[in-house]
Amino acid sequence: MNRKKKKKIFGNSERLRLSVYKSLKHLHAQIINDDDKKTVIGLSTKIIKEGNKTEKSSILGKEMAKKAIEAGVLKVVFDRGRFKYHGRIKAFANAAREGGLSF
């Protein structure tokens, strides 16, 4: 991650960081506590079999929100990394918001 962005986007124990990485085939998402330097939840579209890449990203967002709420995480800082906010990243973020996460 770029150092300038890393300084701005930092999750603490109150607001954890929701980090997203997009490869050519899959989308990977993690909820990270930067104070403890530990990953709380990590999911990927590799576990989802049906749908195209955008639909899989949307399903992943809903699943991430569900697991986060089960773990007691309601507020996060969204870290899209170097990726633009459109397409699969936008589908993931909107689905996570609909699932109950706030960022």
PDB file of N, CA and C in Angstrom:
ATOM      1  N   MET A   1       0.846  -1.181   0.000  1.00  0.00           N
ATOM      2  CA  MET A   1       0.000   0.000   0.000  1.00  0.00           C
ATOM      3  C   MET A   1       0.887   1.237   0.000  1.00  0.00           C
ATOM      4  N   ASN A   2       0.408   2.261  -0.641  1.00  0.00           N
ATOM      5  CA  ASN A   2       1.129   3.527  -0.703  1.00  0.00           C
ATOM      6  C   ASN A   2       1.243   4.123   0.702  1.00  0.00           C
ATOM      7  N   ARG A   3       2.398   4.677   1.049  1.00  0.00           N
ATOM      8  CA  ARG A   3       2.620   5.189   2.409  1.00  0.00           C
ATOM      9  C   ARG A   3       1.684   6.339   2.753  1.00  0.00           C
ATOM     10  N   LYS A   4       1.397   7.208   1.782  1.00  0.00           N
ATOM     11  CA  LYS A   4       0.504   8.331   2.052  1.00  0.00           C
ATOM     12  C   LYS A   4      -0.901   7.842   2.379  1.00  0.00           C
ATOM     13  N   LYS A   5      -1.382   6.843   1.648  1.00  0.00           N
ATOM     14  CA  LYS A   5      -2.703   6.291   1.920  1.00  0.00           C
ATOM     15  C   LYS A   5      -2.705   5.549   3.252  1.00  0.00           C
ATOM     16  N   LYS A   6      -1.615   4.848   3.541  1.00  0.00           N
ATOM     17  CA  LYS A   6      -1.530   4.073   4.778  1.00  0.00           C
ATOM     18  C   LYS A   6      -1.652   4.978   5.997  1.00  0.00           C
ATOM     19  N   LYS A   7      -1.091   6.190   5.913  1.00  0.00           N
ATOM     20  CA  LYS A   7      -1.189   7.119   7.033  1.00  0.00           C
ATOM     21  C   LYS A   7      -2.625   7.588   7.226  1.00  0.00           C
ATOM     22  N   LYS A   8      -3.336   7.778   6.131  1.00  0.00           N
ATOM     23  CA  LYS A   8      -4.707   8.274   6.208  1.00  0.00           C
ATOM     24  C   LYS A   8      -5.688   7.178   6.625  1.00  0.00           C
ATOM     25  N   ILE A   9      -5.513   5.983   6.076  1.00  0.00           N
ATOM     26  CA  ILE A   9      -6.437   4.886   6.335  1.00  0.00           C
ATOM     27  C   ILE A   9      -5.814   3.979   7.380  1.00  0.00           C
ATOM     28  N   PHE A  10      -6.291   4.099   8.603  1.00  0.00           N
ATOM     29  CA  PHE A  10      -5.734   3.318   9.700  1.00  0.00           C
ATOM     30  C   PHE A  10      -6.884   2.895  10.599  1.00  0.00           C
ATOM     31  N   GLY A  11      -6.999   1.610  10.819  1.00  0.00           N
ATOM     32  CA  GLY A  11      -8.045   1.106  11.688  1.00  0.00           C
ATOM     33  C   GLY A  11      -7.521   0.919  13.095  1.00  0.00           C
ATOM     34  N   ASN A  12      -8.337   1.226  14.070  1.00  0.00           N
ATOM     35  CA  ASN A  12      -7.946   0.988  15.460  1.00  0.00           C
ATOM     36  C   ASN A  12      -8.930   0.012  16.079  1.00  0.00           C
ATOM     37  N   SER A  13      -8.885  -0.146  17.381  1.00  0.00           N
ATOM     38  CA  SER A  13      -9.742  -1.137  18.022  1.00  0.00           C
ATOM     39  C   SER A  13     -11.217  -0.724  17.994  1.00  0.00           C
ATOM     40  N   GLU A  14     -11.503   0.565  17.824  1.00  0.00           N
ATOM     41  CA  GLU A  14     -12.901   1.015  17.740  1.00  0.00           C
ATOM     42  C   GLU A  14     -13.453   0.876  16.325  1.00  0.00           C
ATOM     43  N   ARG A  15     -12.674   1.293  15.330  1.00  0.00           N
ATOM     44  CA  ARG A  15     -13.069   1.184  13.915  1.00  0.00           C
ATOM     45  C   ARG A  15     -11.999   0.378  13.188  1.00  0.00           C
ATOM     46  N   LEU A  16     -12.302  -0.876  12.922  1.00  0.00           N
ATOM     47  CA  LEU A  16     -11.352  -1.744  12.250  1.00  0.00           C
ATOM     48  C   LEU A  16     -11.296  -1.410  10.760  1.00  0.00           C
ATOM     49  N   ARG A  17     -10.238  -1.857  10.102  1.00  0.00           N
ATOM     50  CA  ARG A  17     -10.036  -1.561   8.678  1.00  0.00           C
ATOM     51  C   ARG A  17     -10.549  -2.714   7.831  1.00  0.00           C
ATOM     52  N   LEU A  18     -11.414  -2.407   6.865  1.00  0.00           N
ATOM     53  CA  LEU A  18     -11.920  -3.377   5.903  1.00  0.00           C
ATOM     54  C   LEU A  18     -11.099  -3.211   4.626  1.00  0.00           C
ATOM     55  N   SER A  19     -10.162  -4.119   4.414  1.00  0.00           N
ATOM     56  CA  SER A  19      -9.240  -4.044   3.292  1.00  0.00           C
ATOM     57  C   SER A  19      -9.725  -4.958   2.172  1.00  0.00           C
ATOM     58  N   VAL A  20      -9.652  -4.458   0.921  1.00  0.00           N
ATOM     59  CA  VAL A  20     -10.116  -5.214  -0.239  1.00  0.00           C
ATOM     60  C   VAL A  20      -8.982  -5.317  -1.245  1.00  0.00           C
ATOM     61  N   TYR A  21      -8.787  -6.517  -1.798  1.00  0.00           N
ATOM     62  CA  TYR A  21      -7.819  -6.738  -2.864  1.00  0.00           C
ATOM     63  C   TYR A  21      -8.534  -7.424  -4.018  1.00  0.00           C
ATOM     64  N   LYS A  22      -8.294  -6.943  -5.224  1.00  0.00           N
ATOM     65  CA  LYS A  22      -8.945  -7.483  -6.412  1.00  0.00           C
ATOM     66  C   LYS A  22      -7.887  -8.087  -7.333  1.00  0.00           C
ATOM     67  N   SER A  23      -8.054  -9.370  -7.653  1.00  0.00           N
ATOM     68  CA  SER A  23      -7.205  -9.995  -8.663  1.00  0.00           C
ATOM     69  C   SER A  23      -8.031 -10.137  -9.938  1.00  0.00           C
ATOM     70  N   LEU A  24      -7.460 -10.750 -10.960  1.00  0.00           N
ATOM     71  CA  LEU A  24      -8.205 -10.896 -12.209  1.00  0.00           C
ATOM     72  C   LEU A  24      -9.420 -11.805 -12.055  1.00  0.00           C
ATOM     73  N   LYS A  25      -9.334 -12.806 -11.185  1.00  0.00           N
ATOM     74  CA  LYS A  25     -10.439 -13.754 -11.019  1.00  0.00           C
ATOM     75  C   LYS A  25     -11.230 -13.554  -9.737  1.00  0.00           C
ATOM     76  N   HIS A  26     -10.605 -13.127  -8.661  1.00  0.00           N
ATOM     77  CA  HIS A  26     -11.244 -13.140  -7.354  1.00  0.00           C
ATOM     78  C   HIS A  26     -11.126 -11.798  -6.634  1.00  0.00           C
ATOM     79  N   LEU A  27     -11.938 -11.678  -5.593  1.00  0.00           N
ATOM     80  CA  LEU A  27     -11.894 -10.529  -4.705  1.00  0.00           C
ATOM     81  C   LEU A  27     -11.629 -11.067  -3.297  1.00  0.00           C
ATOM     82  N   HIS A  28     -10.683 -10.465  -2.597  1.00  0.00           N
ATOM     83  CA  HIS A  28     -10.330 -10.883  -1.249  1.00  0.00           C
ATOM     84  C   HIS A  28     -10.608  -9.719  -0.306  1.00  0.00           C
ATOM     85  N   ALA A  29     -11.204 -10.004   0.843  1.00  0.00           N
ATOM     86  CA  ALA A  29     -11.521  -8.964   1.809  1.00  0.00           C
ATOM     87  C   ALA A  29     -11.115  -9.421   3.204  1.00  0.00           C
ATOM     88  N   GLN A  30     -10.586  -8.481   3.989  1.00  0.00           N
ATOM     89  CA  GLN A  30     -10.173  -8.762   5.366  1.00  0.00           C
ATOM     90  C   GLN A  30     -10.599  -7.618   6.257  1.00  0.00           C
ATOM     91  N   ILE A  31     -10.977  -7.955   7.482  1.00  0.00           N
ATOM     92  CA  ILE A  31     -11.172  -6.942   8.515  1.00  0.00           C
ATOM     93  C   ILE A  31      -9.970  -7.052   9.435  1.00  0.00           C
ATOM     94  N   ILE A  32      -9.229  -5.939   9.563  1.00  0.00           N
ATOM     95  CA  ILE A  32      -7.942  -5.947  10.248  1.00  0.00           C
ATOM     96  C   ILE A  32      -7.954  -4.965  11.410  1.00  0.00           C
ATOM     97  N   ASN A  33      -7.400  -5.387  12.544  1.00  0.00           N
ATOM     98  CA  ASN A  33      -7.164  -4.511  13.681  1.00  0.00           C
ATOM     99  C   ASN A  33      -5.707  -4.072  13.595  1.00  0.00           C
ATOM    100  N   ASP A  34      -5.489  -2.799  13.213  1.00  0.00           N
ATOM    101  CA  ASP A  34      -4.123  -2.314  13.014  1.00  0.00           C
ATOM    102  C   ASP A  34      -3.383  -2.088  14.326  1.00  0.00           C
ATOM    103  N   ASP A  35      -4.098  -1.899  15.426  1.00  0.00           N
ATOM    104  CA  ASP A  35      -3.418  -1.751  16.719  1.00  0.00           C
ATOM    105  C   ASP A  35      -2.732  -3.061  17.113  1.00  0.00           C
ATOM    106  N   ASP A  36      -3.445  -4.181  16.972  1.00  0.00           N
ATOM    107  CA  ASP A  36      -2.897  -5.486  17.325  1.00  0.00           C
ATOM    108  C   ASP A  36      -2.186  -6.162  16.154  1.00  0.00           C
ATOM    109  N   LYS A  37      -2.346  -5.594  14.942  1.00  0.00           N
ATOM    110  CA  LYS A  37      -1.780  -6.160  13.720  1.00  0.00           C
ATOM    111  C   LYS A  37      -2.263  -7.587  13.499  1.00  0.00           C
ATOM    112  N   LYS A  38      -3.587  -7.776  13.627  1.00  0.00           N
ATOM    113  CA  LYS A  38      -4.189  -9.089  13.448  1.00  0.00           C
ATOM    114  C   LYS A  38      -5.403  -8.995  12.533  1.00  0.00           C
ATOM    115  N   THR A  39      -5.584 -10.039  11.747  1.00  0.00           N
ATOM    116  CA  THR A  39      -6.759 -10.147  10.896  1.00  0.00           C
ATOM    117  C   THR A  39      -7.887 -10.772  11.712  1.00  0.00           C
ATOM    118  N   VAL A  40      -9.016 -10.071  11.784  1.00  0.00           N
ATOM    119  CA  VAL A  40     -10.161 -10.566  12.540  1.00  0.00           C
ATOM    120  C   VAL A  40     -10.981 -11.514  11.679  1.00  0.00           C
ATOM    121  N   ILE A  41     -11.276 -11.102  10.440  1.00  0.00           N
ATOM    122  CA  ILE A  41     -12.065 -11.909   9.510  1.00  0.00           C
ATOM    123  C   ILE A  41     -11.433 -11.808   8.127  1.00  0.00           C
ATOM    124  N   GLY A  42     -11.367 -12.900   7.421  1.00  0.00           N
ATOM    125  CA  GLY A  42     -10.873 -12.899   6.052  1.00  0.00           C
ATOM    126  C   GLY A  42     -11.733 -13.789   5.175  1.00  0.00           C
ATOM    127  N   LEU A  43     -12.188 -13.257   4.034  1.00  0.00           N
ATOM    128  CA  LEU A  43     -13.018 -14.017   3.100  1.00  0.00           C
ATOM    129  C   LEU A  43     -12.564 -13.760   1.673  1.00  0.00           C
ATOM    130  N   SER A  44     -12.974 -14.644   0.769  1.00  0.00           N
ATOM    131  CA  SER A  44     -12.625 -14.511  -0.636  1.00  0.00           C
ATOM    132  C   SER A  44     -13.762 -15.050  -1.493  1.00  0.00           C
ATOM    133  N   THR A  45     -13.798 -14.633  -2.755  1.00  0.00           N
ATOM    134  CA  THR A  45     -14.819 -15.146  -3.673  1.00  0.00           C
ATOM    135  C   THR A  45     -14.492 -16.558  -4.145  1.00  0.00           C
ATOM    136  N   LYS A  46     -13.374 -17.119  -3.720  1.00  0.00           N
ATOM    137  CA  LYS A  46     -13.034 -18.492  -4.091  1.00  0.00           C
ATOM    138  C   LYS A  46     -14.054 -19.490  -3.546  1.00  0.00           C
ATOM    139  N   ILE A  47     -14.735 -19.135  -2.450  1.00  0.00           N
ATOM    140  CA  ILE A  47     -15.698 -20.039  -1.841  1.00  0.00           C
ATOM    141  C   ILE A  47     -17.067 -19.972  -2.516  1.00  0.00           C
ATOM    142  N   ILE A  48     -17.282 -18.975  -3.387  1.00  0.00           N
ATOM    143  CA  ILE A  48     -18.583 -18.771  -4.026  1.00  0.00           C
ATOM    144  C   ILE A  48     -18.517 -19.356  -5.439  1.00  0.00           C
ATOM    145  N   LYS A  49     -19.464 -20.218  -5.777  1.00  0.00           N
ATOM    146  CA  LYS A  49     -19.421 -20.925  -7.058  1.00  0.00           C
ATOM    147  C   LYS A  49     -20.333 -20.319  -8.127  1.00  0.00           C
ATOM    148  N   GLU A  50     -21.461 -19.716  -7.748  1.00  0.00           N
ATOM    149  CA  GLU A  50     -22.434 -19.263  -8.741  1.00  0.00           C
ATOM    150  C   GLU A  50     -22.295 -17.766  -9.021  1.00  0.00           C
ATOM    151  N   GLY A  51     -22.629 -17.372 -10.259  1.00  0.00           N
ATOM    152  CA  GLY A  51     -22.655 -15.961 -10.625  1.00  0.00           C
ATOM    153  C   GLY A  51     -21.384 -15.493 -11.312  1.00  0.00           C
ATOM    154  N   ASN A  52     -21.474 -14.275 -11.868  1.00  0.00           N
ATOM    155  CA  ASN A  52     -20.289 -13.684 -12.476  1.00  0.00           C
ATOM    156  C   ASN A  52     -19.475 -12.964 -11.392  1.00  0.00           C
ATOM    157  N   LYS A  53     -18.398 -12.296 -11.783  1.00  0.00           N
ATOM    158  CA  LYS A  53     -17.482 -11.716 -10.795  1.00  0.00           C
ATOM    159  C   LYS A  53     -18.139 -10.610  -9.967  1.00  0.00           C
ATOM    160  N   THR A  54     -18.978  -9.790 -10.595  1.00  0.00           N
ATOM    161  CA  THR A  54     -19.643  -8.711  -9.860  1.00  0.00           C
ATOM    162  C   THR A  54     -20.667  -9.276  -8.881  1.00  0.00           C
ATOM    163  N   GLU A  55     -21.426 -10.287  -9.305  1.00  0.00           N
ATOM    164  CA  GLU A  55     -22.393 -10.924  -8.409  1.00  0.00           C
ATOM    165  C   GLU A  55     -21.690 -11.605  -7.237  1.00  0.00           C
ATOM    166  N   LYS A  56     -20.563 -12.239  -7.507  1.00  0.00           N
ATOM    167  CA  LYS A  56     -19.783 -12.871  -6.439  1.00  0.00           C
ATOM    168  C   LYS A  56     -19.284 -11.832  -5.441  1.00  0.00           C
ATOM    169  N   SER A  57     -18.885 -10.660  -5.940  1.00  0.00           N
ATOM    170  CA  SER A  57     -18.420  -9.591  -5.052  1.00  0.00           C
ATOM    171  C   SER A  57     -19.542  -9.103  -4.153  1.00  0.00           C
ATOM    172  N   SER A  58     -20.733  -9.009  -4.705  1.00  0.00           N
ATOM    173  CA  SER A  58     -21.894  -8.593  -3.923  1.00  0.00           C
ATOM    174  C   SER A  58     -22.220  -9.624  -2.842  1.00  0.00           C
ATOM    175  N   ILE A  59     -22.185 -10.898  -3.203  1.00  0.00           N
ATOM    176  CA  ILE A  59     -22.429 -11.965  -2.224  1.00  0.00           C
ATOM    177  C   ILE A  59     -21.370 -11.931  -1.129  1.00  0.00           C
ATOM    178  N   LEU A  60     -20.114 -11.682  -1.525  1.00  0.00           N
ATOM    179  CA  LEU A  60     -19.024 -11.601  -0.550  1.00  0.00           C
ATOM    180  C   LEU A  60     -19.235 -10.443   0.421  1.00  0.00           C
ATOM    181  N   GLY A  61     -19.721  -9.310  -0.078  1.00  0.00           N
ATOM    182  CA  GLY A  61     -19.998  -8.165   0.788  1.00  0.00           C
ATOM    183  C   GLY A  61     -21.054  -8.471   1.829  1.00  0.00           C
ATOM    184  N   LYS A  62     -22.115  -9.151   1.424  1.00  0.00           N
ATOM    185  CA  LYS A  62     -23.171  -9.527   2.371  1.00  0.00           C
ATOM    186  C   LYS A  62     -22.651 -10.520   3.404  1.00  0.00           C
ATOM    187  N   GLU A  63     -21.845 -11.481   2.931  1.00  0.00           N
ATOM    188  CA  GLU A  63     -21.275 -12.478   3.843  1.00  0.00           C
ATOM    189  C   GLU A  63     -20.288 -11.837   4.820  1.00  0.00           C
ATOM    190  N   MET A  64     -19.505 -10.884   4.340  1.00  0.00           N
ATOM    191  CA  MET A  64     -18.554 -10.182   5.204  1.00  0.00           C
ATOM    192  C   MET A  64     -19.295  -9.391   6.278  1.00  0.00           C
ATOM    193  N   ALA A  65     -20.370  -8.712   5.902  1.00  0.00           N
ATOM    194  CA  ALA A  65     -21.156  -7.958   6.869  1.00  0.00           C
ATOM    195  C   ALA A  65     -21.765  -8.890   7.917  1.00  0.00           C
ATOM    196  N   LYS A  66     -22.260 -10.026   7.475  1.00  0.00           N
ATOM    197  CA  LYS A  66     -22.861 -11.001   8.391  1.00  0.00           C
ATOM    198  C   LYS A  66     -21.827 -11.506   9.407  1.00  0.00           C
ATOM    199  N   LYS A  67     -20.646 -11.888   8.919  1.00  0.00           N
ATOM    200  CA  LYS A  67     -19.601 -12.388   9.823  1.00  0.00           C
ATOM    201  C   LYS A  67     -19.073 -11.290  10.738  1.00  0.00           C
ATOM    202  N   ALA A  68     -19.000 -10.065  10.241  1.00  0.00           N
ATOM    203  CA  ALA A  68     -18.522  -8.954  11.061  1.00  0.00           C
ATOM    204  C   ALA A  68     -19.489  -8.654  12.194  1.00  0.00           C
ATOM    205  N   ILE A  69     -20.771  -8.662  11.907  1.00  0.00           N
ATOM    206  CA  ILE A  69     -21.772  -8.396  12.945  1.00  0.00           C
ATOM    207  C   ILE A  69     -21.747  -9.508  13.993  1.00  0.00           C
ATOM    208  N   GLU A  70     -21.553 -10.760  13.546  1.00  0.00           N
ATOM    209  CA  GLU A  70     -21.423 -11.874  14.494  1.00  0.00           C
ATOM    210  C   GLU A  70     -20.211 -11.689  15.402  1.00  0.00           C
ATOM    211  N   ALA A  71     -19.137 -11.082  14.861  1.00  0.00           N
ATOM    212  CA  ALA A  71     -17.918 -10.856  15.645  1.00  0.00           C
ATOM    213  C   ALA A  71     -17.983  -9.571  16.461  1.00  0.00           C
ATOM    214  N   GLY A  72     -19.072  -8.808  16.324  1.00  0.00           N
ATOM    215  CA  GLY A  72     -19.230  -7.581  17.100  1.00  0.00           C
ATOM    216  C   GLY A  72     -18.656  -6.342  16.439  1.00  0.00           C
ATOM    217  N   VAL A  73     -18.380  -6.399  15.152  1.00  0.00           N
ATOM    218  CA  VAL A  73     -17.827  -5.258  14.418  1.00  0.00           C
ATOM    219  C   VAL A  73     -18.964  -4.592  13.651  1.00  0.00           C
ATOM    220  N   LEU A  74     -19.238  -3.314  13.957  1.00  0.00           N
ATOM    221  CA  LEU A  74     -20.304  -2.594  13.263  1.00  0.00           C
ATOM    222  C   LEU A  74     -19.772  -1.445  12.424  1.00  0.00           C
ATOM    223  N   LYS A  75     -18.677  -0.813  12.867  1.00  0.00           N
ATOM    224  CA  LYS A  75     -18.091   0.319  12.154  1.00  0.00           C
ATOM    225  C   LYS A  75     -16.700  -0.053  11.671  1.00  0.00           C
ATOM    226  N   VAL A  76     -16.437   0.247  10.398  1.00  0.00           N
ATOM    227  CA  VAL A  76     -15.131  -0.039   9.817  1.00  0.00           C
ATOM    228  C   VAL A  76     -14.663   1.160   8.993  1.00  0.00           C
ATOM    229  N   VAL A  77     -13.376   1.145   8.677  1.00  0.00           N
ATOM    230  CA  VAL A  77     -12.788   2.111   7.742  1.00  0.00           C
ATOM    231  C   VAL A  77     -12.549   1.335   6.453  1.00  0.00           C
ATOM    232  N   PHE A  78     -13.117   1.790   5.341  1.00  0.00           N
ATOM    233  CA  PHE A  78     -13.006   1.069   4.071  1.00  0.00           C
ATOM    234  C   PHE A  78     -11.694   1.405   3.380  1.00  0.00           C
ATOM    235  N   ASP A  79     -10.896   0.390   3.121  1.00  0.00           N
ATOM    236  CA  ASP A  79      -9.594   0.536   2.466  1.00  0.00           C
ATOM    237  C   ASP A  79      -9.668  -0.182   1.120  1.00  0.00           C
ATOM    238  N   ARG A  80      -9.861   0.593   0.049  1.00  0.00           N
ATOM    239  CA  ARG A  80      -9.972   0.003  -1.281  1.00  0.00           C
ATOM    240  C   ARG A  80      -8.615  -0.164  -1.937  1.00  0.00           C
ATOM    241  N   GLY A  81      -7.559   0.275  -1.268  1.00  0.00           N
ATOM    242  CA  GLY A  81      -6.208   0.146  -1.808  1.00  0.00           C
ATOM    243  C   GLY A  81      -6.017   1.010  -3.036  1.00  0.00           C
ATOM    244  N   ARG A  82      -5.430   0.457  -4.074  1.00  0.00           N
ATOM    245  CA  ARG A  82      -5.153   1.206  -5.292  1.00  0.00           C
ATOM    246  C   ARG A  82      -6.274   1.103  -6.311  1.00  0.00           C
ATOM    247  N   PHE A  83      -7.380   0.472  -5.942  1.00  0.00           N
ATOM    248  CA  PHE A  83      -8.452   0.200  -6.879  1.00  0.00           C
ATOM    249  C   PHE A  83      -9.496   1.314  -6.868  1.00  0.00           C
ATOM    250  N   LYS A  84      -9.995   1.657  -8.041  1.00  0.00           N
ATOM    251  CA  LYS A  84     -11.028   2.670  -8.156  1.00  0.00           C
ATOM    252  C   LYS A  84     -12.331   2.156  -7.564  1.00  0.00           C
ATOM    253  N   TYR A  85     -13.153   3.104  -7.109  1.00  0.00           N
ATOM    254  CA  TYR A  85     -14.435   2.738  -6.495  1.00  0.00           C
ATOM    255  C   TYR A  85     -15.486   2.594  -7.596  1.00  0.00           C
ATOM    256  N   HIS A  86     -15.453   1.484  -8.309  1.00  0.00           N
ATOM    257  CA  HIS A  86     -16.481   1.152  -9.287  1.00  0.00           C
ATOM    258  C   HIS A  86     -16.404  -0.335  -9.568  1.00  0.00           C
ATOM    259  N   GLY A  87     -17.403  -0.857 -10.236  1.00  0.00           N
ATOM    260  CA  GLY A  87     -17.407  -2.264 -10.597  1.00  0.00           C
ATOM    261  C   GLY A  87     -17.515  -3.183  -9.402  1.00  0.00           C
ATOM    262  N   ARG A  88     -16.576  -4.124  -9.299  1.00  0.00           N
ATOM    263  CA  ARG A  88     -16.622  -5.132  -8.234  1.00  0.00           C
ATOM    264  C   ARG A  88     -16.404  -4.528  -6.854  1.00  0.00           C
ATOM    265  N   ILE A  89     -15.542  -3.506  -6.752  1.00  0.00           N
ATOM    266  CA  ILE A  89     -15.285  -2.864  -5.461  1.00  0.00           C
ATOM    267  C   ILE A  89     -16.558  -2.165  -4.973  1.00  0.00           C
ATOM    268  N   LYS A  90     -17.228  -1.465  -5.871  1.00  0.00           N
ATOM    269  CA  LYS A  90     -18.465  -0.764  -5.525  1.00  0.00           C
ATOM    270  C   LYS A  90     -19.569  -1.753  -5.153  1.00  0.00           C
ATOM    271  N   ALA A  91     -19.691  -2.850  -5.892  1.00  0.00           N
ATOM    272  CA  ALA A  91     -20.689  -3.873  -5.586  1.00  0.00           C
ATOM    273  C   ALA A  91     -20.446  -4.467  -4.202  1.00  0.00           C
ATOM    274  N   PHE A  92     -19.183  -4.734  -3.884  1.00  0.00           N
ATOM    275  CA  PHE A  92     -18.830  -5.265  -2.565  1.00  0.00           C
ATOM    276  C   PHE A  92     -19.193  -4.271  -1.461  1.00  0.00           C
ATOM    277  N   ALA A  93     -18.810  -3.004  -1.651  1.00  0.00           N
ATOM    278  CA  ALA A  93     -19.047  -1.984  -0.625  1.00  0.00           C
ATOM    279  C   ALA A  93     -20.541  -1.757  -0.397  1.00  0.00           C
ATOM    280  N   ASN A  94     -21.310  -1.678  -1.460  1.00  0.00           N
ATOM    281  CA  ASN A  94     -22.753  -1.468  -1.314  1.00  0.00           C
ATOM    282  C   ASN A  94     -23.424  -2.644  -0.613  1.00  0.00           C
ATOM    283  N   ALA A  95     -23.014  -3.863  -0.947  1.00  0.00           N
ATOM    284  CA  ALA A  95     -23.583  -5.046  -0.302  1.00  0.00           C
ATOM    285  C   ALA A  95     -23.204  -5.105   1.177  1.00  0.00           C
ATOM    286  N   ALA A  96     -21.984  -4.703   1.509  1.00  0.00           N
ATOM    287  CA  ALA A  96     -21.562  -4.688   2.912  1.00  0.00           C
ATOM    288  C   ALA A  96     -22.363  -3.655   3.701  1.00  0.00           C
ATOM    289  N   ARG A  97     -22.629  -2.508   3.084  1.00  0.00           N
ATOM    290  CA  ARG A  97     -23.463  -1.490   3.748  1.00  0.00           C
ATOM    291  C   ARG A  97     -24.883  -1.998   3.950  1.00  0.00           C
ATOM    292  N   GLU A  98     -25.443  -2.641   2.933  1.00  0.00           N
ATOM    293  CA  GLU A  98     -26.793  -3.196   3.045  1.00  0.00           C
ATOM    294  C   GLU A  98     -26.851  -4.268   4.124  1.00  0.00           C
ATOM    295  N   GLY A  99     -25.740  -4.996   4.301  1.00  0.00           N
ATOM    296  CA  GLY A  99     -25.679  -6.049   5.312  1.00  0.00           C
ATOM    297  C   GLY A  99     -25.579  -5.531   6.734  1.00  0.00           C
ATOM    298  N   GLY A 100     -25.282  -4.228   6.910  1.00  0.00           N
ATOM    299  CA  GLY A 100     -25.266  -3.675   8.254  1.00  0.00           C
ATOM    300  C   GLY A 100     -23.973  -3.003   8.673  1.00  0.00           C
ATOM    301  N   LEU A 101     -22.922  -3.073   7.866  1.00  0.00           N
ATOM    302  CA  LEU A 101     -21.678  -2.381   8.216  1.00  0.00           C
ATOM    303  C   LEU A 101     -21.802  -0.901   7.886  1.00  0.00           C
ATOM    304  N   SER A 102     -21.174  -0.064   8.687  1.00  0.00           N
ATOM    305  CA  SER A 102     -21.180   1.368   8.389  1.00  0.00           C
ATOM    306  C   SER A 102     -19.745   1.843   8.177  1.00  0.00           C
ATOM    307  N   PHE A 103     -19.568   2.531   7.048  1.00  0.00           N
ATOM    308  CA  PHE A 103     -18.277   3.150   6.722  1.00  0.00           C
ATOM    309  C   PHE A 103     -18.491   4.286   5.766  1.00  0.00           C
TER     310      PHE A 103
END
